[in-house]
Amino acid sequence: MARLELRIPPPAVALVVAAAMWLVARAGPALDAPFTTRVAVFIALALVGVALALAGKLEFRRARTTANPFRPENASTLVATGVYRFTRNPMYLGLALAGLGWAAFLCSAWALAGPVIFVVYISRFQIAPEERVLAAKFGTAYAEYASRVRRWI
């Protein structure tokens, strides 16, 4: 299983999960919600998700450090400003929120498993290896940051 660590781009994981959500939503029973409500919830959560992800990317750019999810060892700075004061993973949180919005749009209880699967996968195969690298690279500064700021929200 370690061979999956830092191997698949998180947006690709989100897209695969979203496609699977669509398939299971079509196969299972639908929940009852007005179409306009489903669209509104999807748009709201997707916009918040995109805003979080862009805010995280912007903070990395301001700090002049890498946002490459495959090379956390190339991080030159521990970013703890902006949105990183509230969540250690705003880009992944943004993808999870967009997935939650997609589940609301699909209006399927089965589709709600998608964001959970995304969070579990990203936590294990992306975040855990990133955190090991950051802890080794930034030592007590990272440990203090991790104790102060939650991984997700």
N, C-alpha and C. Protein backbone atom coordinates (compact mmCIF):
# COMPACT_ATOMS: atom_id res chain seq x y z
N MET A 1 0.80 -1.20 0.00
CA MET A 1 0.00 0.00 0.00
C MET A 1 0.85 1.27 0.00
N ALA A 2 2.05 1.19 0.52
CA ALA A 2 2.91 2.37 0.55
C ALA A 2 3.23 2.86 -0.85
N ARG A 3 3.11 1.98 -1.83
CA ARG A 3 3.43 2.40 -3.20
C ARG A 3 2.42 3.40 -3.75
N LEU A 4 1.27 3.55 -3.09
CA LEU A 4 0.28 4.55 -3.50
C LEU A 4 0.57 5.94 -2.91
N GLU A 5 1.50 6.00 -1.96
CA GLU A 5 1.80 7.28 -1.32
C GLU A 5 2.40 8.27 -2.32
N LEU A 6 1.82 9.46 -2.35
CA LEU A 6 2.30 10.57 -3.19
C LEU A 6 2.39 10.18 -4.67
N ARG A 7 1.50 9.34 -5.15
CA ARG A 7 1.57 8.86 -6.53
C ARG A 7 0.47 9.40 -7.44
N ILE A 8 -0.73 9.59 -6.91
CA ILE A 8 -1.86 10.00 -7.74
C ILE A 8 -2.21 11.44 -7.40
N PRO A 9 -2.30 12.31 -8.41
CA PRO A 9 -2.64 13.71 -8.13
C PRO A 9 -3.98 13.81 -7.40
N PRO A 10 -4.04 14.55 -6.30
CA PRO A 10 -5.30 14.67 -5.56
C PRO A 10 -6.50 15.08 -6.42
N PRO A 11 -6.35 16.01 -7.39
CA PRO A 11 -7.52 16.30 -8.24
C PRO A 11 -7.98 15.07 -9.04
N ALA A 12 -7.04 14.22 -9.44
CA ALA A 12 -7.41 12.99 -10.16
C ALA A 12 -8.17 12.05 -9.23
N VAL A 13 -7.74 11.95 -7.98
CA VAL A 13 -8.47 11.14 -7.01
C VAL A 13 -9.89 11.68 -6.86
N ALA A 14 -10.01 13.00 -6.75
CA ALA A 14 -11.34 13.62 -6.61
C ALA A 14 -12.21 13.32 -7.83
N LEU A 15 -11.65 13.37 -9.03
CA LEU A 15 -12.43 13.09 -10.23
C LEU A 15 -12.87 11.63 -10.31
N VAL A 16 -12.00 10.72 -9.95
CA VAL A 16 -12.36 9.29 -9.94
C VAL A 16 -13.47 9.04 -8.92
N VAL A 17 -13.34 9.62 -7.75
CA VAL A 17 -14.37 9.47 -6.72
C VAL A 17 -15.68 10.08 -7.21
N ALA A 18 -15.62 11.26 -7.84
CA ALA A 18 -16.83 11.91 -8.36
C ALA A 18 -17.52 11.03 -9.41
N ALA A 19 -16.73 10.41 -10.28
CA ALA A 19 -17.32 9.52 -11.29
C ALA A 19 -17.97 8.31 -10.62
N ALA A 20 -17.32 7.75 -9.62
CA ALA A 20 -17.89 6.61 -8.89
C ALA A 20 -19.18 7.03 -8.18
N MET A 21 -19.19 8.25 -7.64
CA MET A 21 -20.40 8.75 -6.98
C MET A 21 -21.55 8.82 -7.97
N TRP A 22 -21.27 9.29 -9.15
CA TRP A 22 -22.30 9.39 -10.18
C TRP A 22 -22.85 8.00 -10.53
N LEU A 23 -21.95 7.03 -10.65
CA LEU A 23 -22.38 5.66 -10.97
C LEU A 23 -23.25 5.06 -9.87
N VAL A 24 -22.82 5.18 -8.62
CA VAL A 24 -23.62 4.59 -7.54
C VAL A 24 -24.92 5.34 -7.34
N ALA A 25 -24.92 6.64 -7.62
CA ALA A 25 -26.16 7.41 -7.49
C ALA A 25 -27.19 6.95 -8.52
N ARG A 26 -26.72 6.61 -9.69
CA ARG A 26 -27.63 6.12 -10.74
C ARG A 26 -28.16 4.73 -10.42
N ALA A 27 -27.37 3.94 -9.71
CA ALA A 27 -27.74 2.56 -9.42
C ALA A 27 -28.66 2.43 -8.20
N GLY A 28 -28.58 3.38 -7.31
CA GLY A 28 -29.33 3.28 -6.06
C GLY A 28 -30.54 4.19 -6.04
N PRO A 29 -31.27 4.12 -4.95
CA PRO A 29 -32.46 4.97 -4.81
C PRO A 29 -32.07 6.45 -4.63
N ALA A 30 -32.88 7.31 -5.19
CA ALA A 30 -32.64 8.75 -5.09
C ALA A 30 -33.36 9.31 -3.87
N LEU A 31 -32.79 10.33 -3.29
CA LEU A 31 -33.44 11.07 -2.22
C LEU A 31 -34.33 12.13 -2.87
N ASP A 32 -35.24 12.65 -2.10
CA ASP A 32 -36.17 13.63 -2.65
C ASP A 32 -35.75 15.04 -2.24
N ALA A 33 -35.34 15.81 -3.22
CA ALA A 33 -35.00 17.22 -2.98
C ALA A 33 -35.23 17.97 -4.28
N PRO A 34 -35.73 19.19 -4.18
CA PRO A 34 -35.97 19.98 -5.40
C PRO A 34 -34.66 20.22 -6.16
N PHE A 35 -34.76 20.21 -7.45
CA PHE A 35 -33.58 20.40 -8.31
C PHE A 35 -32.87 21.71 -7.99
N THR A 36 -33.62 22.79 -7.82
CA THR A 36 -32.99 24.09 -7.55
C THR A 36 -32.21 24.06 -6.23
N THR A 37 -32.72 23.35 -5.25
CA THR A 37 -32.01 23.22 -3.97
C THR A 37 -30.72 22.45 -4.17
N ARG A 38 -30.78 21.35 -4.90
CA ARG A 38 -29.60 20.54 -5.18
C ARG A 38 -28.54 21.37 -5.90
N VAL A 39 -28.94 22.14 -6.89
CA VAL A 39 -28.00 22.97 -7.64
C VAL A 39 -27.41 24.04 -6.74
N ALA A 40 -28.24 24.68 -5.92
CA ALA A 40 -27.76 25.75 -5.04
C ALA A 40 -26.74 25.22 -4.03
N VAL A 41 -27.02 24.07 -3.44
CA VAL A 41 -26.09 23.49 -2.47
C VAL A 41 -24.78 23.11 -3.16
N PHE A 42 -24.89 22.50 -4.33
CA PHE A 42 -23.69 22.13 -5.09
C PHE A 42 -22.85 23.37 -5.40
N ILE A 43 -23.47 24.40 -5.93
CA ILE A 43 -22.73 25.61 -6.30
C ILE A 43 -22.09 26.25 -5.07
N ALA A 44 -22.85 26.34 -3.98
CA ALA A 44 -22.30 26.97 -2.76
C ALA A 44 -21.09 26.20 -2.24
N LEU A 45 -21.22 24.88 -2.11
CA LEU A 45 -20.10 24.10 -1.59
C LEU A 45 -18.92 24.08 -2.56
N ALA A 46 -19.21 24.00 -3.85
CA ALA A 46 -18.12 24.01 -4.84
C ALA A 46 -17.39 25.35 -4.82
N LEU A 47 -18.12 26.45 -4.71
CA LEU A 47 -17.47 27.77 -4.66
C LEU A 47 -16.61 27.93 -3.41
N VAL A 48 -17.11 27.49 -2.27
CA VAL A 48 -16.32 27.54 -1.04
C VAL A 48 -15.08 26.66 -1.19
N GLY A 49 -15.25 25.48 -1.77
CA GLY A 49 -14.13 24.58 -1.99
C GLY A 49 -13.07 25.18 -2.90
N VAL A 50 -13.50 25.75 -4.01
CA VAL A 50 -12.56 26.37 -4.94
C VAL A 50 -11.86 27.55 -4.28
N ALA A 51 -12.60 28.35 -3.52
CA ALA A 51 -12.00 29.50 -2.84
C ALA A 51 -10.93 29.04 -1.84
N LEU A 52 -11.22 27.99 -1.08
CA LEU A 52 -10.23 27.45 -0.13
C LEU A 52 -8.98 26.96 -0.85
N ALA A 53 -9.20 26.20 -1.92
CA ALA A 53 -8.06 25.66 -2.66
C ALA A 53 -7.21 26.78 -3.26
N LEU A 54 -7.85 27.77 -3.84
CA LEU A 54 -7.10 28.90 -4.41
C LEU A 54 -6.39 29.71 -3.34
N ALA A 55 -7.03 29.88 -2.19
CA ALA A 55 -6.38 30.61 -1.10
C ALA A 55 -5.13 29.86 -0.63
N GLY A 56 -5.22 28.54 -0.55
CA GLY A 56 -4.05 27.75 -0.17
C GLY A 56 -2.94 27.86 -1.19
N LYS A 57 -3.28 27.77 -2.45
CA LYS A 57 -2.29 27.89 -3.52
C LYS A 57 -1.64 29.28 -3.50
N LEU A 58 -2.45 30.30 -3.27
CA LEU A 58 -1.93 31.67 -3.21
C LEU A 58 -0.93 31.85 -2.06
N GLU A 59 -1.22 31.26 -0.91
CA GLU A 59 -0.29 31.35 0.22
C GLU A 59 1.03 30.66 -0.10
N PHE A 60 0.97 29.54 -0.80
CA PHE A 60 2.21 28.87 -1.21
C PHE A 60 3.00 29.76 -2.16
N ARG A 61 2.31 30.40 -3.08
CA ARG A 61 2.97 31.28 -4.04
C ARG A 61 3.61 32.47 -3.32
N ARG A 62 2.88 33.06 -2.36
CA ARG A 62 3.43 34.18 -1.59
C ARG A 62 4.69 33.78 -0.83
N ALA A 63 4.68 32.56 -0.32
CA ALA A 63 5.83 32.06 0.44
C ALA A 63 6.95 31.55 -0.47
N ARG A 64 6.68 31.54 -1.77
CA ARG A 64 7.64 31.07 -2.77
C ARG A 64 8.13 29.65 -2.46
N THR A 65 7.14 28.79 -2.20
CA THR A 65 7.45 27.38 -1.95
C THR A 65 6.61 26.52 -2.87
N THR A 66 6.95 25.28 -2.95
CA THR A 66 6.29 24.38 -3.89
C THR A 66 4.91 23.95 -3.40
N ALA A 67 4.02 23.77 -4.35
CA ALA A 67 2.70 23.20 -4.07
C ALA A 67 2.60 21.83 -4.74
N ASN A 68 3.72 21.30 -5.19
CA ASN A 68 3.75 20.02 -5.88
C ASN A 68 3.43 18.90 -4.88
N PRO A 69 2.30 18.21 -5.05
CA PRO A 69 1.92 17.19 -4.08
C PRO A 69 2.80 15.93 -4.12
N PHE A 70 3.65 15.82 -5.14
CA PHE A 70 4.53 14.66 -5.26
C PHE A 70 5.89 14.89 -4.62
N ARG A 71 6.23 16.13 -4.31
CA ARG A 71 7.55 16.47 -3.80
C ARG A 71 7.49 17.37 -2.56
N PRO A 72 6.92 16.90 -1.47
CA PRO A 72 6.87 17.75 -0.28
C PRO A 72 8.26 18.08 0.26
N GLU A 73 9.25 17.26 -0.08
CA GLU A 73 10.62 17.54 0.38
C GLU A 73 11.19 18.80 -0.24
N ASN A 74 10.57 19.30 -1.32
CA ASN A 74 11.03 20.53 -1.96
C ASN A 74 10.47 21.79 -1.29
N ALA A 75 9.66 21.62 -0.26
CA ALA A 75 9.12 22.78 0.45
C ALA A 75 10.27 23.58 1.05
N SER A 76 10.27 24.87 0.78
CA SER A 76 11.33 25.72 1.30
C SER A 76 10.91 26.48 2.56
N THR A 77 9.60 26.52 2.80
CA THR A 77 9.04 27.29 3.90
C THR A 77 7.85 26.55 4.48
N LEU A 78 7.69 26.62 5.77
CA LEU A 78 6.48 26.11 6.42
C LEU A 78 5.45 27.22 6.36
N VAL A 79 4.40 27.01 5.61
CA VAL A 79 3.37 28.04 5.44
C VAL A 79 2.33 27.89 6.54
N ALA A 80 2.18 28.93 7.35
CA ALA A 80 1.23 28.92 8.46
C ALA A 80 0.42 30.21 8.50
N THR A 81 0.35 30.90 7.36
CA THR A 81 -0.36 32.16 7.28
C THR A 81 -1.61 32.00 6.42
N GLY A 82 -2.43 33.05 6.41
CA GLY A 82 -3.63 33.02 5.59
C GLY A 82 -4.54 31.89 6.01
N VAL A 83 -5.07 31.17 5.05
CA VAL A 83 -5.99 30.07 5.31
C VAL A 83 -5.33 28.94 6.09
N TYR A 84 -4.00 28.86 6.06
CA TYR A 84 -3.28 27.83 6.80
C TYR A 84 -3.28 28.08 8.30
N ARG A 85 -3.84 29.18 8.75
CA ARG A 85 -4.04 29.40 10.18
C ARG A 85 -5.23 28.59 10.70
N PHE A 86 -6.11 28.14 9.78
CA PHE A 86 -7.35 27.46 10.15
C PHE A 86 -7.38 25.98 9.75
N THR A 87 -6.67 25.63 8.72
CA THR A 87 -6.61 24.25 8.25
C THR A 87 -5.24 23.99 7.65
N ARG A 88 -4.68 22.82 7.91
CA ARG A 88 -3.37 22.49 7.35
C ARG A 88 -3.47 22.06 5.90
N ASN A 89 -4.68 21.78 5.43
CA ASN A 89 -4.85 21.24 4.08
C ASN A 89 -6.01 21.89 3.33
N PRO A 90 -5.94 23.19 3.10
CA PRO A 90 -7.08 23.85 2.45
C PRO A 90 -7.35 23.35 1.03
N MET A 91 -6.31 22.95 0.31
CA MET A 91 -6.54 22.48 -1.06
C MET A 91 -7.31 21.16 -1.05
N TYR A 92 -6.95 20.26 -0.15
CA TYR A 92 -7.65 18.98 -0.05
C TYR A 92 -9.04 19.18 0.54
N LEU A 93 -9.16 20.07 1.50
CA LEU A 93 -10.47 20.39 2.07
C LEU A 93 -11.39 20.96 0.99
N GLY A 94 -10.83 21.80 0.12
CA GLY A 94 -11.62 22.35 -0.98
C GLY A 94 -12.14 21.27 -1.90
N LEU A 95 -11.30 20.29 -2.22
CA LEU A 95 -11.75 19.17 -3.06
C LEU A 95 -12.83 18.35 -2.35
N ALA A 96 -12.67 18.15 -1.05
CA ALA A 96 -13.67 17.39 -0.29
C ALA A 96 -15.01 18.12 -0.26
N LEU A 97 -14.97 19.44 -0.09
CA LEU A 97 -16.22 20.22 -0.09
C LEU A 97 -16.90 20.18 -1.45
N ALA A 98 -16.11 20.26 -2.51
CA ALA A 98 -16.70 20.15 -3.85
C ALA A 98 -17.34 18.77 -4.03
N GLY A 99 -16.71 17.73 -3.50
CA GLY A 99 -17.28 16.39 -3.55
C GLY A 99 -18.58 16.29 -2.75
N LEU A 100 -18.62 16.95 -1.62
CA LEU A 100 -19.83 16.97 -0.81
C LEU A 100 -20.96 17.68 -1.56
N GLY A 101 -20.61 18.77 -2.24
CA GLY A 101 -21.60 19.46 -3.07
C GLY A 101 -22.10 18.58 -4.20
N TRP A 102 -21.20 17.83 -4.81
CA TRP A 102 -21.57 16.90 -5.89
C TRP A 102 -22.53 15.84 -5.34
N ALA A 103 -22.26 15.34 -4.14
CA ALA A 103 -23.16 14.36 -3.52
C ALA A 103 -24.54 14.96 -3.30
N ALA A 104 -24.59 16.22 -2.88
CA ALA A 104 -25.88 16.89 -2.69
C ALA A 104 -26.61 17.02 -4.02
N PHE A 105 -25.88 17.36 -5.07
CA PHE A 105 -26.49 17.48 -6.39
C PHE A 105 -27.05 16.14 -6.86
N LEU A 106 -26.28 15.07 -6.63
CA LEU A 106 -26.71 13.74 -7.06
C LEU A 106 -27.92 13.25 -6.25
N CYS A 107 -28.07 13.79 -5.06
CA CYS A 107 -29.23 13.49 -4.21
C CYS A 107 -29.36 11.99 -3.95
N SER A 108 -28.25 11.39 -3.56
CA SER A 108 -28.20 9.96 -3.30
C SER A 108 -27.46 9.71 -2.00
N ALA A 109 -28.06 8.92 -1.13
CA ALA A 109 -27.38 8.58 0.12
C ALA A 109 -26.09 7.81 -0.17
N TRP A 110 -26.11 6.98 -1.19
CA TRP A 110 -24.92 6.21 -1.53
C TRP A 110 -23.78 7.12 -1.97
N ALA A 111 -24.11 8.20 -2.66
CA ALA A 111 -23.08 9.13 -3.13
C ALA A 111 -22.38 9.83 -1.97
N LEU A 112 -23.02 9.90 -0.83
CA LEU A 112 -22.39 10.55 0.33
C LEU A 112 -21.14 9.80 0.80
N ALA A 113 -21.00 8.56 0.40
CA ALA A 113 -19.79 7.81 0.74
C ALA A 113 -18.58 8.38 0.00
N GLY A 114 -18.79 9.02 -1.13
CA GLY A 114 -17.69 9.55 -1.94
C GLY A 114 -16.78 10.50 -1.20
N PRO A 115 -17.31 11.57 -0.61
CA PRO A 115 -16.41 12.48 0.13
C PRO A 115 -15.70 11.79 1.29
N VAL A 116 -16.35 10.84 1.93
CA VAL A 116 -15.71 10.10 3.02
C VAL A 116 -14.54 9.28 2.47
N ILE A 117 -14.76 8.60 1.36
CA ILE A 117 -13.70 7.81 0.73
C ILE A 117 -12.55 8.72 0.31
N PHE A 118 -12.87 9.89 -0.26
CA PHE A 118 -11.83 10.83 -0.65
C PHE A 118 -10.99 11.25 0.56
N VAL A 119 -11.64 11.62 1.65
CA VAL A 119 -10.92 12.07 2.85
C VAL A 119 -10.05 10.95 3.41
N VAL A 120 -10.56 9.74 3.46
CA VAL A 120 -9.78 8.61 3.97
C VAL A 120 -8.58 8.36 3.08
N TYR A 121 -8.79 8.32 1.77
CA TYR A 121 -7.68 8.06 0.83
C TYR A 121 -6.62 9.16 0.92
N ILE A 122 -7.04 10.41 0.84
CA ILE A 122 -6.10 11.54 0.86
C ILE A 122 -5.36 11.59 2.20
N SER A 123 -6.07 11.31 3.29
CA SER A 123 -5.41 11.32 4.60
C SER A 123 -4.30 10.28 4.67
N ARG A 124 -4.58 9.10 4.15
CA ARG A 124 -3.60 8.00 4.23
C ARG A 124 -2.47 8.11 3.22
N PHE A 125 -2.81 8.37 1.96
CA PHE A 125 -1.82 8.27 0.89
C PHE A 125 -1.22 9.60 0.45
N GLN A 126 -1.77 10.71 0.91
CA GLN A 126 -1.22 12.01 0.54
C GLN A 126 -0.77 12.80 1.77
N ILE A 127 -1.68 13.00 2.70
CA ILE A 127 -1.38 13.85 3.85
C ILE A 127 -0.37 13.21 4.79
N ALA A 128 -0.56 11.95 5.14
CA ALA A 128 0.36 11.29 6.08
C ALA A 128 1.80 11.32 5.59
N PRO A 129 2.07 10.97 4.32
CA PRO A 129 3.47 11.08 3.85
C PRO A 129 3.97 12.52 3.81
N GLU A 130 3.10 13.46 3.43
CA GLU A 130 3.51 14.88 3.44
C GLU A 130 3.90 15.30 4.84
N GLU A 131 3.09 14.92 5.82
CA GLU A 131 3.36 15.33 7.20
C GLU A 131 4.65 14.71 7.73
N ARG A 132 4.95 13.49 7.34
CA ARG A 132 6.23 12.88 7.75
C ARG A 132 7.41 13.70 7.23
N VAL A 133 7.32 14.11 5.97
CA VAL A 133 8.39 14.90 5.36
C VAL A 133 8.50 16.26 6.04
N LEU A 134 7.36 16.92 6.25
CA LEU A 134 7.38 18.25 6.87
C LEU A 134 7.89 18.18 8.31
N ALA A 135 7.51 17.14 9.04
CA ALA A 135 8.01 16.99 10.41
C ALA A 135 9.52 16.79 10.43
N ALA A 136 10.02 16.01 9.49
CA ALA A 136 11.47 15.79 9.42
C ALA A 136 12.20 17.06 8.99
N LYS A 137 11.61 17.80 8.09
CA LYS A 137 12.26 18.99 7.53
C LYS A 137 12.19 20.20 8.46
N PHE A 138 11.03 20.40 9.11
CA PHE A 138 10.83 21.62 9.90
C PHE A 138 10.79 21.39 11.40
N GLY A 139 10.92 20.13 11.83
CA GLY A 139 11.07 19.78 13.24
C GLY A 139 10.02 20.36 14.17
N THR A 140 10.51 21.04 15.22
CA THR A 140 9.60 21.54 16.25
C THR A 140 8.65 22.61 15.72
N ALA A 141 9.07 23.36 14.70
CA ALA A 141 8.17 24.37 14.13
C ALA A 141 6.93 23.68 13.54
N TYR A 142 7.15 22.56 12.86
CA TYR A 142 6.01 21.84 12.30
C TYR A 142 5.18 21.19 13.41
N ALA A 143 5.83 20.61 14.39
CA ALA A 143 5.11 19.97 15.50
C ALA A 143 4.22 20.98 16.21
N GLU A 144 4.73 22.18 16.44
CA GLU A 144 3.94 23.22 17.10
C GLU A 144 2.78 23.64 16.22
N TYR A 145 3.04 23.81 14.94
CA TYR A 145 1.98 24.18 13.99
C TYR A 145 0.90 23.11 13.95
N ALA A 146 1.30 21.85 13.85
CA ALA A 146 0.34 20.74 13.78
C ALA A 146 -0.48 20.62 15.06
N SER A 147 0.10 20.99 16.19
CA SER A 147 -0.65 20.93 17.45
C SER A 147 -1.64 22.08 17.57
N ARG A 148 -1.41 23.15 16.83
CA ARG A 148 -2.24 24.34 16.90
C ARG A 148 -3.34 24.37 15.84
N VAL A 149 -3.08 23.78 14.67
CA VAL A 149 -4.00 23.87 13.53
C VAL A 149 -4.45 22.46 13.15
N ARG A 150 -5.75 22.31 12.99
CA ARG A 150 -6.29 20.99 12.63
C ARG A 150 -5.92 20.59 11.21
N ARG A 151 -5.91 19.29 10.98
CA ARG A 151 -5.60 18.76 9.66
C ARG A 151 -6.67 19.18 8.64
N TRP A 152 -7.91 19.07 8.97
CA TRP A 152 -8.99 19.39 8.04
C TRP A 152 -9.68 20.69 8.45
N ILE A 153 -10.53 20.65 9.45
CA ILE A 153 -11.20 21.88 9.93
C ILE A 153 -11.35 21.82 11.44
